Amino acid sequence: MSKKDLPKMPRWDGPLSHPFYSKVVKRGIDLLLAVVLLIPGAVIMIPLAVWVKLDSPGPVFYRAVRGGYHNQPFYIFKFRSMVVGADQTGGTTAKNDTRVTGAGRIMRRFKLDEVPQLLNILKGDMSFVGPRPELLLYTQRYTEEEQCILWVRPGVTDRSSITFIAQDEIVGEEDPVGNFERLILPEKNRLRVEYARNQSFRLDWQLFWETIGGVFRKAEKAARERS
């Protein structure tokens, strides 16, 4: 399926907080950083790609449709961290989900499966920091207030990603989709709205470093549990 075949969604051109920063400055920073990180990113991605290929049958990359900037759907890129066809049996990853591959479990712990989103940033589909893109199933349900989430480019990380960095543990093993929709999605959307209404360089810088800290704390916790 090509991008032109994706479902059409209403275009929303509402007001932005700090519009010049969002549309010009932030996009310039994203592009510059993405270009600078392209070579080191490739150095990281090559061995990860080999690892994914050797670990389980199937493609190296996983492409999934997400709701994007101005309500335009786009394909998000990730390293495949689950068995082929896992998205056909549920969009929420449960605790101890058997669909997650061995390589995928480790990559997810360090957010390495997200590295290919550098390509989405170069294309202009995403930003380093912004509301984490959601399934169309959920973006099409946004209330009028929540539609401001799509006023800004979706990001690799945001406040909701940090708050729910251990999302699989919260949704548990029974009815993960239902638990996600009841226990997590409303708060995620509230945090996304909060970001869209208060986007700034200072906030983006803060969230960037909080994300790095959150990833290391999660890895440290996992190491303690194994020991």
N, C-alpha and C. Protein backbone atom coordinates (compact mmCIF):
# COMPACT_ATOMS: atom_id res chain seq x y z
N MET A 1 0.85 -1.20 0.00
CA MET A 1 0.00 0.00 0.00
C MET A 1 0.88 1.24 0.00
N SER A 2 0.66 2.14 -0.94
CA SER A 2 1.42 3.39 -0.99
C SER A 2 0.76 4.44 -0.12
N LYS A 3 1.49 5.54 0.11
CA LYS A 3 0.96 6.59 0.98
C LYS A 3 -0.32 7.19 0.42
N LYS A 4 -0.44 7.26 -0.90
CA LYS A 4 -1.63 7.83 -1.51
C LYS A 4 -2.86 6.97 -1.29
N ASP A 5 -2.62 5.68 -0.95
CA ASP A 5 -3.74 4.76 -0.72
C ASP A 5 -4.23 4.78 0.72
N LEU A 6 -3.54 5.52 1.60
CA LEU A 6 -3.95 5.59 2.99
C LEU A 6 -5.26 6.34 3.11
N PRO A 7 -6.06 6.05 4.14
CA PRO A 7 -7.35 6.73 4.29
C PRO A 7 -7.18 8.23 4.48
N LYS A 8 -8.05 9.00 3.84
CA LYS A 8 -8.01 10.46 3.96
C LYS A 8 -8.70 10.88 5.25
N MET A 9 -8.12 11.87 5.92
CA MET A 9 -8.65 12.35 7.18
C MET A 9 -8.87 13.85 7.10
N PRO A 10 -9.75 14.41 7.90
CA PRO A 10 -10.00 15.85 7.85
C PRO A 10 -8.74 16.64 8.15
N ARG A 11 -8.52 17.71 7.43
CA ARG A 11 -7.36 18.58 7.66
C ARG A 11 -7.73 19.64 8.68
N TRP A 12 -6.88 19.82 9.67
CA TRP A 12 -7.15 20.79 10.71
C TRP A 12 -5.99 21.78 10.78
N ASP A 13 -6.28 23.05 10.62
CA ASP A 13 -5.27 24.09 10.67
C ASP A 13 -5.55 25.04 11.83
N GLY A 14 -5.64 24.50 13.02
CA GLY A 14 -5.90 25.31 14.19
C GLY A 14 -4.68 26.10 14.61
N PRO A 15 -4.83 26.98 15.59
CA PRO A 15 -3.71 27.79 16.08
C PRO A 15 -2.70 26.95 16.83
N LEU A 16 -1.45 27.39 16.83
CA LEU A 16 -0.37 26.70 17.51
C LEU A 16 0.19 27.57 18.62
N SER A 17 0.67 26.92 19.68
CA SER A 17 1.47 27.67 20.63
C SER A 17 2.85 27.82 20.01
N HIS A 18 3.40 29.04 20.04
CA HIS A 18 4.70 29.32 19.43
C HIS A 18 4.75 28.82 17.99
N PRO A 19 3.89 29.32 17.11
CA PRO A 19 3.82 28.79 15.74
C PRO A 19 5.12 28.91 14.96
N PHE A 20 5.85 30.02 15.14
CA PHE A 20 7.11 30.19 14.39
C PHE A 20 8.12 29.14 14.84
N TYR A 21 8.18 28.90 16.14
CA TYR A 21 9.09 27.87 16.65
C TYR A 21 8.69 26.51 16.10
N SER A 22 7.40 26.19 16.14
CA SER A 22 6.92 24.88 15.71
C SER A 22 7.17 24.63 14.23
N LYS A 23 6.81 25.59 13.40
CA LYS A 23 6.85 25.37 11.95
C LYS A 23 8.22 25.62 11.33
N VAL A 24 9.00 26.52 11.92
CA VAL A 24 10.27 26.91 11.29
C VAL A 24 11.48 26.48 12.12
N VAL A 25 11.58 27.00 13.34
CA VAL A 25 12.77 26.74 14.17
C VAL A 25 12.89 25.25 14.50
N LYS A 26 11.81 24.68 15.01
CA LYS A 26 11.86 23.27 15.42
C LYS A 26 12.12 22.36 14.24
N ARG A 27 11.49 22.64 13.11
CA ARG A 27 11.72 21.81 11.93
C ARG A 27 13.17 21.92 11.49
N GLY A 28 13.76 23.11 11.58
CA GLY A 28 15.16 23.29 11.23
C GLY A 28 16.08 22.51 12.15
N ILE A 29 15.78 22.54 13.47
CA ILE A 29 16.58 21.80 14.44
C ILE A 29 16.48 20.30 14.18
N ASP A 30 15.25 19.83 13.94
CA ASP A 30 15.03 18.41 13.67
C ASP A 30 15.84 17.96 12.45
N LEU A 31 15.77 18.74 11.39
CA LEU A 31 16.45 18.37 10.15
C LEU A 31 17.96 18.36 10.34
N LEU A 32 18.47 19.37 11.03
CA LEU A 32 19.91 19.46 11.26
C LEU A 32 20.40 18.28 12.09
N LEU A 33 19.70 17.99 13.19
CA LEU A 33 20.09 16.88 14.05
C LEU A 33 19.98 15.54 13.33
N ALA A 34 18.92 15.38 12.52
CA ALA A 34 18.73 14.14 11.78
C ALA A 34 19.87 13.90 10.80
N VAL A 35 20.31 14.96 10.12
CA VAL A 35 21.42 14.84 9.17
C VAL A 35 22.71 14.50 9.90
N VAL A 36 22.95 15.18 11.04
CA VAL A 36 24.16 14.93 11.83
C VAL A 36 24.18 13.49 12.35
N LEU A 37 23.01 12.99 12.73
CA LEU A 37 22.91 11.64 13.32
C LEU A 37 22.78 10.53 12.28
N LEU A 38 22.71 10.90 11.02
CA LEU A 38 22.47 9.90 9.97
C LEU A 38 23.57 8.85 9.92
N ILE A 39 24.84 9.28 9.95
CA ILE A 39 25.95 8.32 9.87
C ILE A 39 26.05 7.49 11.15
N PRO A 40 26.11 8.12 12.35
CA PRO A 40 26.13 7.26 13.56
C PRO A 40 24.87 6.41 13.68
N GLY A 41 23.74 6.93 13.19
CA GLY A 41 22.51 6.15 13.21
C GLY A 41 22.62 4.91 12.35
N ALA A 42 23.26 5.08 11.18
CA ALA A 42 23.45 3.93 10.27
C ALA A 42 24.37 2.90 10.90
N VAL A 43 25.41 3.37 11.61
CA VAL A 43 26.34 2.47 12.29
C VAL A 43 25.61 1.61 13.31
N ILE A 44 24.62 2.22 13.99
CA ILE A 44 23.83 1.48 14.98
C ILE A 44 22.84 0.55 14.28
N MET A 45 22.21 1.05 13.21
CA MET A 45 21.13 0.29 12.57
C MET A 45 21.61 -0.95 11.83
N ILE A 46 22.81 -0.91 11.26
CA ILE A 46 23.28 -2.07 10.48
C ILE A 46 23.38 -3.33 11.34
N PRO A 47 24.10 -3.30 12.48
CA PRO A 47 24.14 -4.53 13.30
C PRO A 47 22.78 -4.90 13.88
N LEU A 48 21.94 -3.90 14.19
CA LEU A 48 20.60 -4.20 14.69
C LEU A 48 19.77 -4.90 13.62
N ALA A 49 19.91 -4.44 12.38
CA ALA A 49 19.17 -5.06 11.28
C ALA A 49 19.57 -6.51 11.10
N VAL A 50 20.88 -6.78 11.19
CA VAL A 50 21.38 -8.16 11.07
C VAL A 50 20.83 -9.01 12.22
N TRP A 51 20.82 -8.44 13.42
CA TRP A 51 20.32 -9.14 14.61
C TRP A 51 18.85 -9.52 14.45
N VAL A 52 18.05 -8.56 13.99
CA VAL A 52 16.62 -8.83 13.78
C VAL A 52 16.43 -9.94 12.77
N LYS A 53 17.20 -9.89 11.69
CA LYS A 53 17.05 -10.88 10.61
C LYS A 53 17.43 -12.27 11.07
N LEU A 54 18.49 -12.37 11.88
CA LEU A 54 18.95 -13.68 12.34
C LEU A 54 18.11 -14.22 13.49
N ASP A 55 17.46 -13.33 14.22
CA ASP A 55 16.74 -13.74 15.43
C ASP A 55 15.41 -14.42 15.13
N SER A 56 14.70 -13.97 14.08
CA SER A 56 13.40 -14.56 13.78
C SER A 56 13.05 -14.34 12.32
N PRO A 57 12.22 -15.21 11.74
CA PRO A 57 11.85 -15.06 10.33
C PRO A 57 11.02 -13.80 10.11
N GLY A 58 11.25 -13.16 8.96
CA GLY A 58 10.45 -11.99 8.62
C GLY A 58 11.31 -10.80 8.24
N PRO A 59 10.67 -9.69 7.85
CA PRO A 59 11.40 -8.50 7.43
C PRO A 59 12.12 -7.83 8.59
N VAL A 60 13.12 -7.02 8.27
CA VAL A 60 13.87 -6.29 9.29
C VAL A 60 13.04 -5.15 9.87
N PHE A 61 12.36 -4.43 8.97
CA PHE A 61 11.60 -3.26 9.40
C PHE A 61 10.10 -3.55 9.50
N TYR A 62 9.47 -2.80 10.37
CA TYR A 62 8.01 -2.87 10.52
C TYR A 62 7.45 -1.49 10.20
N ARG A 63 6.53 -1.44 9.26
CA ARG A 63 5.87 -0.18 8.90
C ARG A 63 4.43 -0.23 9.37
N ALA A 64 4.01 0.81 10.06
CA ALA A 64 2.64 0.85 10.57
C ALA A 64 2.04 2.22 10.32
N VAL A 65 0.75 2.25 10.03
CA VAL A 65 0.06 3.51 9.77
C VAL A 65 -0.28 4.20 11.10
N ARG A 66 0.02 5.49 11.18
CA ARG A 66 -0.28 6.28 12.36
C ARG A 66 -0.92 7.60 11.94
N GLY A 67 -1.65 8.21 12.87
CA GLY A 67 -2.20 9.53 12.62
C GLY A 67 -1.10 10.57 12.72
N GLY A 68 -1.01 11.48 11.74
CA GLY A 68 0.10 12.41 11.71
C GLY A 68 -0.27 13.87 11.65
N TYR A 69 0.69 14.68 11.26
CA TYR A 69 0.58 16.13 11.21
C TYR A 69 -0.60 16.56 10.34
N HIS A 70 -1.44 17.46 10.87
CA HIS A 70 -2.64 17.92 10.19
C HIS A 70 -3.58 16.77 9.82
N ASN A 71 -3.60 15.77 10.72
CA ASN A 71 -4.49 14.61 10.55
C ASN A 71 -4.17 13.76 9.33
N GLN A 72 -2.99 13.92 8.75
CA GLN A 72 -2.62 13.13 7.59
C GLN A 72 -1.92 11.85 8.04
N PRO A 73 -2.45 10.68 7.73
CA PRO A 73 -1.81 9.43 8.14
C PRO A 73 -0.46 9.25 7.45
N PHE A 74 0.44 8.54 8.12
CA PHE A 74 1.76 8.28 7.55
C PHE A 74 2.26 6.93 8.05
N TYR A 75 3.31 6.43 7.42
CA TYR A 75 3.92 5.17 7.83
C TYR A 75 5.06 5.47 8.80
N ILE A 76 4.98 4.91 10.00
CA ILE A 76 6.05 5.03 10.96
C ILE A 76 6.98 3.83 10.79
N PHE A 77 8.29 4.06 10.89
CA PHE A 77 9.27 2.99 10.72
C PHE A 77 9.80 2.53 12.07
N LYS A 78 9.92 1.22 12.23
CA LYS A 78 10.53 0.63 13.42
C LYS A 78 11.29 -0.62 13.01
N PHE A 79 12.23 -1.02 13.85
CA PHE A 79 12.77 -2.37 13.68
C PHE A 79 11.69 -3.34 14.15
N ARG A 80 11.50 -4.42 13.40
CA ARG A 80 10.49 -5.39 13.81
C ARG A 80 10.90 -6.04 15.13
N SER A 81 10.05 -5.91 16.13
CA SER A 81 10.36 -6.45 17.45
C SER A 81 9.39 -7.56 17.86
N MET A 82 8.46 -7.90 16.95
CA MET A 82 7.49 -8.95 17.23
C MET A 82 7.45 -9.92 16.06
N VAL A 83 6.82 -11.05 16.27
CA VAL A 83 6.70 -12.03 15.19
C VAL A 83 5.83 -11.45 14.07
N VAL A 84 6.02 -11.96 12.87
CA VAL A 84 5.24 -11.50 11.73
C VAL A 84 3.74 -11.74 11.96
N GLY A 85 2.93 -10.73 11.70
CA GLY A 85 1.50 -10.87 11.87
C GLY A 85 1.00 -10.56 13.27
N ALA A 86 1.90 -10.11 14.15
CA ALA A 86 1.49 -9.84 15.54
C ALA A 86 0.44 -8.74 15.62
N ASP A 87 0.50 -7.77 14.70
CA ASP A 87 -0.45 -6.67 14.74
C ASP A 87 -1.87 -7.10 14.35
N GLN A 88 -1.99 -8.31 13.82
CA GLN A 88 -3.32 -8.81 13.47
C GLN A 88 -4.06 -9.40 14.67
N THR A 89 -3.31 -9.58 15.77
CA THR A 89 -3.92 -10.18 16.97
C THR A 89 -4.00 -9.20 18.14
N GLY A 90 -3.83 -7.90 17.85
CA GLY A 90 -3.96 -6.90 18.91
C GLY A 90 -2.89 -5.85 18.79
N GLY A 91 -3.28 -4.58 19.00
CA GLY A 91 -2.34 -3.48 18.83
C GLY A 91 -1.61 -3.07 20.09
N THR A 92 -1.97 -3.66 21.24
CA THR A 92 -1.34 -3.32 22.50
C THR A 92 -0.47 -4.47 22.97
N THR A 93 0.78 -4.16 23.35
CA THR A 93 1.70 -5.19 23.82
C THR A 93 1.44 -5.48 25.29
N ALA A 94 1.18 -6.73 25.61
CA ALA A 94 0.89 -7.13 26.98
C ALA A 94 2.18 -7.43 27.74
N LYS A 95 2.06 -7.53 29.04
CA LYS A 95 3.20 -7.93 29.87
C LYS A 95 3.57 -9.37 29.50
N ASN A 96 4.87 -9.63 29.33
CA ASN A 96 5.36 -10.97 28.94
C ASN A 96 4.71 -11.45 27.65
N ASP A 97 4.48 -10.53 26.72
CA ASP A 97 3.83 -10.86 25.45
C ASP A 97 4.68 -11.84 24.66
N THR A 98 4.10 -12.99 24.35
CA THR A 98 4.85 -14.04 23.65
C THR A 98 5.12 -13.68 22.18
N ARG A 99 4.47 -12.65 21.68
CA ARG A 99 4.69 -12.23 20.29
C ARG A 99 5.99 -11.47 20.13
N VAL A 100 6.54 -10.94 21.23
CA VAL A 100 7.79 -10.18 21.18
C VAL A 100 8.95 -11.14 21.00
N THR A 101 9.84 -10.85 20.06
CA THR A 101 11.00 -11.71 19.80
C THR A 101 12.08 -11.47 20.85
N GLY A 102 13.09 -12.34 20.84
CA GLY A 102 14.20 -12.18 21.77
C GLY A 102 14.93 -10.86 21.55
N ALA A 103 15.25 -10.57 20.29
CA ALA A 103 15.91 -9.31 19.96
C ALA A 103 14.98 -8.14 20.28
N GLY A 104 13.70 -8.32 19.99
CA GLY A 104 12.74 -7.24 20.21
C GLY A 104 12.62 -6.86 21.68
N ARG A 105 12.71 -7.85 22.56
CA ARG A 105 12.58 -7.58 23.99
C ARG A 105 13.70 -6.65 24.47
N ILE A 106 14.91 -6.92 24.01
CA ILE A 106 16.05 -6.09 24.41
C ILE A 106 15.99 -4.73 23.73
N MET A 107 15.65 -4.70 22.44
CA MET A 107 15.57 -3.42 21.73
C MET A 107 14.52 -2.52 22.35
N ARG A 108 13.38 -3.08 22.72
CA ARG A 108 12.32 -2.28 23.33
C ARG A 108 12.76 -1.70 24.67
N ARG A 109 13.56 -2.46 25.41
CA ARG A 109 14.01 -2.00 26.72
C ARG A 109 14.82 -0.71 26.58
N PHE A 110 15.62 -0.61 25.52
CA PHE A 110 16.47 0.56 25.30
C PHE A 110 15.93 1.48 24.20
N LYS A 111 14.69 1.22 23.75
CA LYS A 111 14.06 2.01 22.69
C LYS A 111 14.84 1.97 21.38
N LEU A 112 15.62 0.93 21.17
CA LEU A 112 16.41 0.83 19.94
C LEU A 112 15.55 0.52 18.73
N ASP A 113 14.37 -0.06 18.95
CA ASP A 113 13.47 -0.35 17.83
C ASP A 113 12.96 0.94 17.19
N GLU A 114 13.11 2.08 17.91
CA GLU A 114 12.62 3.36 17.39
C GLU A 114 13.66 4.09 16.53
N VAL A 115 14.90 3.61 16.49
CA VAL A 115 15.97 4.31 15.78
C VAL A 115 15.62 4.60 14.32
N PRO A 116 14.96 3.68 13.58
CA PRO A 116 14.63 3.97 12.18
C PRO A 116 13.71 5.19 12.00
N GLN A 117 13.11 5.68 13.07
CA GLN A 117 12.27 6.87 12.94
C GLN A 117 13.08 8.12 12.59
N LEU A 118 14.39 7.97 12.60
CA LEU A 118 15.25 9.02 12.07
C LEU A 118 14.86 9.32 10.62
N LEU A 119 14.45 8.29 9.90
CA LEU A 119 14.01 8.45 8.51
C LEU A 119 12.71 9.25 8.45
N ASN A 120 11.80 8.99 9.41
CA ASN A 120 10.54 9.76 9.47
C ASN A 120 10.81 11.23 9.75
N ILE A 121 11.83 11.50 10.57
CA ILE A 121 12.17 12.89 10.89
C ILE A 121 12.75 13.57 9.65
N LEU A 122 13.62 12.89 8.93
CA LEU A 122 14.19 13.46 7.70
C LEU A 122 13.09 13.78 6.69
N LYS A 123 12.09 12.90 6.59
CA LYS A 123 10.99 13.10 5.65
C LYS A 123 10.05 14.22 6.07
N GLY A 124 10.07 14.57 7.35
CA GLY A 124 9.16 15.61 7.85
C GLY A 124 7.88 15.07 8.44
N ASP A 125 7.78 13.73 8.53
CA ASP A 125 6.59 13.13 9.14
C ASP A 125 6.59 13.29 10.65
N MET A 126 7.81 13.33 11.24
CA MET A 126 7.92 13.34 12.69
C MET A 126 8.97 14.34 13.16
N SER A 127 8.98 14.53 14.47
CA SER A 127 9.96 15.36 15.15
C SER A 127 10.63 14.49 16.21
N PHE A 128 11.76 14.94 16.76
CA PHE A 128 12.37 14.20 17.86
C PHE A 128 11.46 14.22 19.08
N VAL A 129 10.83 15.37 19.35
CA VAL A 129 9.93 15.50 20.49
C VAL A 129 8.58 15.99 20.00
N GLY A 130 7.52 15.32 20.42
CA GLY A 130 6.17 15.70 20.02
C GLY A 130 5.21 14.61 20.45
N PRO A 131 3.91 14.84 20.35
CA PRO A 131 2.93 13.83 20.77
C PRO A 131 3.19 12.50 20.06
N ARG A 132 3.33 11.45 20.83
CA ARG A 132 3.62 10.14 20.25
C ARG A 132 2.47 9.74 19.33
N PRO A 133 2.76 9.39 18.05
CA PRO A 133 1.69 9.07 17.09
C PRO A 133 0.91 7.83 17.49
N GLU A 134 -0.40 7.90 17.30
CA GLU A 134 -1.29 6.84 17.75
C GLU A 134 -1.92 6.13 16.56
N LEU A 135 -2.48 4.96 16.82
CA LEU A 135 -3.22 4.22 15.80
C LEU A 135 -4.37 5.07 15.27
N LEU A 136 -4.70 4.90 13.99
CA LEU A 136 -5.82 5.66 13.41
C LEU A 136 -7.12 5.35 14.16
N LEU A 137 -7.21 4.14 14.67
CA LEU A 137 -8.38 3.74 15.45
C LEU A 137 -8.65 4.74 16.57
N TYR A 138 -7.59 5.26 17.16
CA TYR A 138 -7.75 6.19 18.28
C TYR A 138 -7.72 7.65 17.86
N THR A 139 -6.92 8.01 16.85
CA THR A 139 -6.89 9.40 16.42
C THR A 139 -8.23 9.82 15.81
N GLN A 140 -8.92 8.86 15.18
CA GLN A 140 -10.22 9.18 14.60
C GLN A 140 -11.29 9.38 15.66
N ARG A 141 -10.97 9.03 16.92
CA ARG A 141 -11.91 9.23 18.02
C ARG A 141 -11.61 10.51 18.82
N TYR A 142 -10.57 11.25 18.43
CA TYR A 142 -10.23 12.44 19.19
C TYR A 142 -11.42 13.39 19.30
N THR A 143 -11.62 13.92 20.49
CA THR A 143 -12.64 14.95 20.69
C THR A 143 -12.16 16.24 20.06
N GLU A 144 -13.02 17.24 20.01
CA GLU A 144 -12.62 18.53 19.44
C GLU A 144 -11.43 19.11 20.20
N GLU A 145 -11.44 18.94 21.50
CA GLU A 145 -10.33 19.43 22.31
C GLU A 145 -9.05 18.66 22.02
N GLU A 146 -9.17 17.35 21.82
CA GLU A 146 -8.00 16.51 21.60
C GLU A 146 -7.42 16.64 20.20
N GLN A 147 -8.17 17.22 19.25
CA GLN A 147 -7.66 17.36 17.89
C GLN A 147 -6.44 18.27 17.83
N CYS A 148 -6.22 19.09 18.87
CA CYS A 148 -5.04 19.94 18.87
C CYS A 148 -3.77 19.10 18.94
N ILE A 149 -3.87 17.83 19.32
CA ILE A 149 -2.71 16.93 19.32
C ILE A 149 -2.09 16.89 17.93
N LEU A 150 -2.93 16.99 16.91
CA LEU A 150 -2.47 16.91 15.54
C LEU A 150 -2.14 18.28 14.95
N TRP A 151 -2.04 19.29 15.80
CA TRP A 151 -1.60 20.61 15.34
C TRP A 151 -0.08 20.62 15.19
N VAL A 152 0.58 19.70 15.87
CA VAL A 152 2.04 19.67 15.85
C VAL A 152 2.51 18.32 15.33
N ARG A 153 3.75 18.27 14.83
CA ARG A 153 4.27 17.00 14.32
C ARG A 153 4.39 15.98 15.45
N PRO A 154 4.03 14.73 15.20
CA PRO A 154 4.22 13.68 16.21
C PRO A 154 5.70 13.48 16.45
N GLY A 155 6.04 12.94 17.61
CA GLY A 155 7.44 12.80 17.97
C GLY A 155 7.85 11.39 18.35
N VAL A 156 9.16 11.20 18.45
CA VAL A 156 9.72 9.93 18.91
C VAL A 156 9.44 9.78 20.41
N THR A 157 9.40 10.91 21.11
CA THR A 157 9.12 10.86 22.54
C THR A 157 8.29 12.06 22.96
N ASP A 158 7.58 11.90 24.07
CA ASP A 158 6.82 13.00 24.67
C ASP A 158 6.57 12.67 26.13
N ARG A 159 5.82 13.51 26.81
CA ARG A 159 5.57 13.28 28.23
C ARG A 159 4.86 11.95 28.48
N SER A 160 3.93 11.59 27.61
CA SER A 160 3.20 10.35 27.81
C SER A 160 4.11 9.14 27.66
N SER A 161 5.11 9.22 26.77
CA SER A 161 6.06 8.12 26.60
C SER A 161 6.88 7.91 27.87
N ILE A 162 7.23 9.03 28.52
CA ILE A 162 8.02 8.97 29.75
C ILE A 162 7.16 8.44 30.89
N THR A 163 5.94 8.97 31.00
CA THR A 163 5.05 8.56 32.08
C THR A 163 4.70 7.08 32.00
N PHE A 164 4.47 6.60 30.77
CA PHE A 164 4.06 5.20 30.58
C PHE A 164 5.17 4.38 29.94
N ILE A 165 6.40 4.61 30.37
CA ILE A 165 7.53 3.88 29.79
C ILE A 165 7.44 2.38 30.09
N ALA A 166 6.71 2.02 31.15
CA ALA A 166 6.48 0.61 31.48
C ALA A 166 5.03 0.24 31.19
N GLN A 167 4.53 0.65 30.04
CA GLN A 167 3.12 0.47 29.69
C GLN A 167 2.71 -1.00 29.71
N ASP A 168 3.58 -1.89 29.25
CA ASP A 168 3.22 -3.31 29.20
C ASP A 168 2.91 -3.87 30.59
N GLU A 169 3.61 -3.36 31.61
CA GLU A 169 3.35 -3.82 32.97
C GLU A 169 2.01 -3.31 33.48
N ILE A 170 1.61 -2.13 33.05
CA ILE A 170 0.35 -1.54 33.49
C ILE A 170 -0.84 -2.27 32.86
N VAL A 171 -0.74 -2.59 31.57
CA VAL A 171 -1.87 -3.25 30.90
C VAL A 171 -1.98 -4.72 31.32
N GLY A 172 -0.87 -5.29 31.83
CA GLY A 172 -0.92 -6.66 32.31
C GLY A 172 -1.02 -7.68 31.20
N GLU A 173 -1.44 -8.87 31.56
CA GLU A 173 -1.49 -9.98 30.61
C GLU A 173 -2.92 -10.31 30.15
N GLU A 174 -3.91 -9.92 30.94
CA GLU A 174 -5.30 -10.18 30.58
C GLU A 174 -5.97 -8.90 30.08
N ASP A 175 -6.59 -8.98 28.91
CA ASP A 175 -7.29 -7.86 28.29
C ASP A 175 -6.41 -6.61 28.19
N PRO A 176 -5.23 -6.72 27.55
CA PRO A 176 -4.35 -5.56 27.45
C PRO A 176 -4.95 -4.39 26.68
N VAL A 177 -5.74 -4.69 25.63
CA VAL A 177 -6.36 -3.61 24.86
C VAL A 177 -7.36 -2.85 25.71
N GLY A 178 -8.23 -3.59 26.41
CA GLY A 178 -9.21 -2.95 27.27
C GLY A 178 -8.56 -2.13 28.38
N ASN A 179 -7.50 -2.68 28.98
CA ASN A 179 -6.80 -1.96 30.04
C ASN A 179 -6.12 -0.71 29.50
N PHE A 180 -5.58 -0.82 28.28
CA PHE A 180 -4.96 0.36 27.66
C PHE A 180 -5.98 1.47 27.46
N GLU A 181 -7.13 1.11 26.94
CA GLU A 181 -8.16 2.12 26.65
C GLU A 181 -8.74 2.72 27.92
N ARG A 182 -8.81 1.96 28.99
CA ARG A 182 -9.39 2.45 30.25
C ARG A 182 -8.38 3.17 31.13
N LEU A 183 -7.18 2.58 31.25
CA LEU A 183 -6.23 3.05 32.25
C LEU A 183 -5.16 3.99 31.72
N ILE A 184 -4.90 3.93 30.41
CA ILE A 184 -3.76 4.68 29.87
C ILE A 184 -4.15 5.73 28.85
N LEU A 185 -4.98 5.36 27.87
CA LEU A 185 -5.28 6.26 26.76
C LEU A 185 -5.82 7.63 27.19
N PRO A 186 -6.78 7.72 28.12
CA PRO A 186 -7.28 9.05 28.51
C PRO A 186 -6.18 9.96 29.06
N GLU A 187 -5.28 9.41 29.89
CA GLU A 187 -4.20 10.22 30.45
C GLU A 187 -3.16 10.56 29.38
N LYS A 188 -2.90 9.62 28.48
CA LYS A 188 -1.98 9.90 27.39
C LYS A 188 -2.49 11.07 26.55
N ASN A 189 -3.77 11.04 26.23
CA ASN A 189 -4.34 12.12 25.42
C ASN A 189 -4.31 13.45 26.16
N ARG A 190 -4.53 13.41 27.48
CA ARG A 190 -4.47 14.65 28.26
C ARG A 190 -3.06 15.24 28.20
N LEU A 191 -2.06 14.38 28.33
CA LEU A 191 -0.67 14.85 28.28
C LEU A 191 -0.31 15.35 26.88
N ARG A 192 -0.85 14.71 25.86
CA ARG A 192 -0.59 15.16 24.48
C ARG A 192 -1.20 16.53 24.23
N VAL A 193 -2.42 16.72 24.73
CA VAL A 193 -3.07 18.02 24.60
C VAL A 193 -2.25 19.09 25.32
N GLU A 194 -1.79 18.76 26.51
CA GLU A 194 -0.99 19.68 27.31
C GLU A 194 0.27 20.09 26.55
N TYR A 195 0.90 19.12 25.88
CA TYR A 195 2.09 19.44 25.10
C TYR A 195 1.75 20.36 23.92
N ALA A 196 0.71 20.01 23.18
CA ALA A 196 0.34 20.79 22.00
C ALA A 196 0.05 22.25 22.37
N ARG A 197 -0.50 22.47 23.54
CA ARG A 197 -0.87 23.82 23.96
C ARG A 197 0.30 24.59 24.57
N ASN A 198 1.40 23.88 24.86
CA ASN A 198 2.51 24.54 25.55
C ASN A 198 3.87 24.26 24.91
N GLN A 199 3.86 23.85 23.66
CA GLN A 199 5.10 23.49 22.97
C GLN A 199 6.09 24.66 22.98
N SER A 200 7.33 24.36 23.32
CA SER A 200 8.38 25.38 23.32
C SER A 200 9.73 24.68 23.29
N PHE A 201 10.77 25.45 22.99
CA PHE A 201 12.13 24.89 22.97
C PHE A 201 12.51 24.37 24.35
N ARG A 202 12.18 25.14 25.37
CA ARG A 202 12.53 24.74 26.74
C ARG A 202 11.87 23.40 27.11
N LEU A 203 10.59 23.26 26.76
CA LEU A 203 9.87 22.02 27.06
C LEU A 203 10.46 20.85 26.28
N ASP A 204 10.77 21.05 25.00
CA ASP A 204 11.34 19.98 24.19
C ASP A 204 12.69 19.52 24.75
N TRP A 205 13.51 20.48 25.16
CA TRP A 205 14.82 20.16 25.72
C TRP A 205 14.67 19.34 27.01
N GLN A 206 13.71 19.74 27.83
CA GLN A 206 13.45 19.05 29.09
C GLN A 206 12.99 17.62 28.84
N LEU A 207 12.05 17.43 27.90
CA LEU A 207 11.53 16.09 27.60
C LEU A 207 12.59 15.19 26.98
N PHE A 208 13.47 15.78 26.20
CA PHE A 208 14.56 15.01 25.58
C PHE A 208 15.42 14.35 26.65
N TRP A 209 15.83 15.13 27.64
CA TRP A 209 16.71 14.58 28.68
C TRP A 209 15.94 13.69 29.65
N GLU A 210 14.68 13.97 29.89
CA GLU A 210 13.87 13.09 30.75
C GLU A 210 13.70 11.72 30.11
N THR A 211 13.61 11.69 28.79
CA THR A 211 13.48 10.42 28.07
C THR A 211 14.74 9.58 28.23
N ILE A 212 15.89 10.20 28.06
CA ILE A 212 17.15 9.47 28.22
C ILE A 212 17.25 8.91 29.64
N GLY A 213 16.92 9.73 30.63
CA GLY A 213 16.94 9.26 32.00
C GLY A 213 15.97 8.12 32.25
N GLY A 214 14.77 8.22 31.66
CA GLY A 214 13.77 7.18 31.82
C GLY A 214 14.20 5.85 31.23
N VAL A 215 14.85 5.88 30.07
CA VAL A 215 15.33 4.66 29.42
C VAL A 215 16.38 3.97 30.29
N PHE A 216 17.32 4.75 30.84
CA PHE A 216 18.36 4.17 31.68
C PHE A 216 17.79 3.61 32.98
N ARG A 217 16.81 4.29 33.57
CA ARG A 217 16.19 3.78 34.79
C ARG A 217 15.45 2.46 34.52
N LYS A 218 14.78 2.39 33.36
CA LYS A 218 14.07 1.16 33.00
C LYS A 218 15.04 0.01 32.81
N ALA A 219 16.16 0.29 32.15
CA ALA A 219 17.18 -0.75 31.92
C ALA A 219 17.78 -1.20 33.25
N GLU A 220 18.03 -0.24 34.14
CA GLU A 220 18.61 -0.56 35.45
C GLU A 220 17.65 -1.43 36.26
N LYS A 221 16.36 -1.10 36.20
CA LYS A 221 15.36 -1.89 36.91
C LYS A 221 15.31 -3.31 36.38
N ALA A 222 15.35 -3.45 35.05
CA ALA A 222 15.32 -4.79 34.44
C ALA A 222 16.55 -5.60 34.85
N ALA A 223 17.71 -4.95 34.94
CA ALA A 223 18.93 -5.63 35.34
C ALA A 223 18.84 -6.12 36.78
N ARG A 224 18.25 -5.30 37.65
CA ARG A 224 18.10 -5.71 39.05
C ARG A 224 17.16 -6.89 39.18
N GLU A 225 16.09 -6.90 38.36
CA GLU A 225 15.10 -7.99 38.43
C GLU A 225 15.70 -9.31 37.95
N ARG A 226 16.67 -9.25 37.02
CA ARG A 226 17.29 -10.46 36.50
C ARG A 226 18.34 -11.02 37.46
N SER A 227 18.92 -10.12 38.27
CA SER A 227 20.00 -10.55 39.17
C SER A 227 19.46 -11.18 40.45
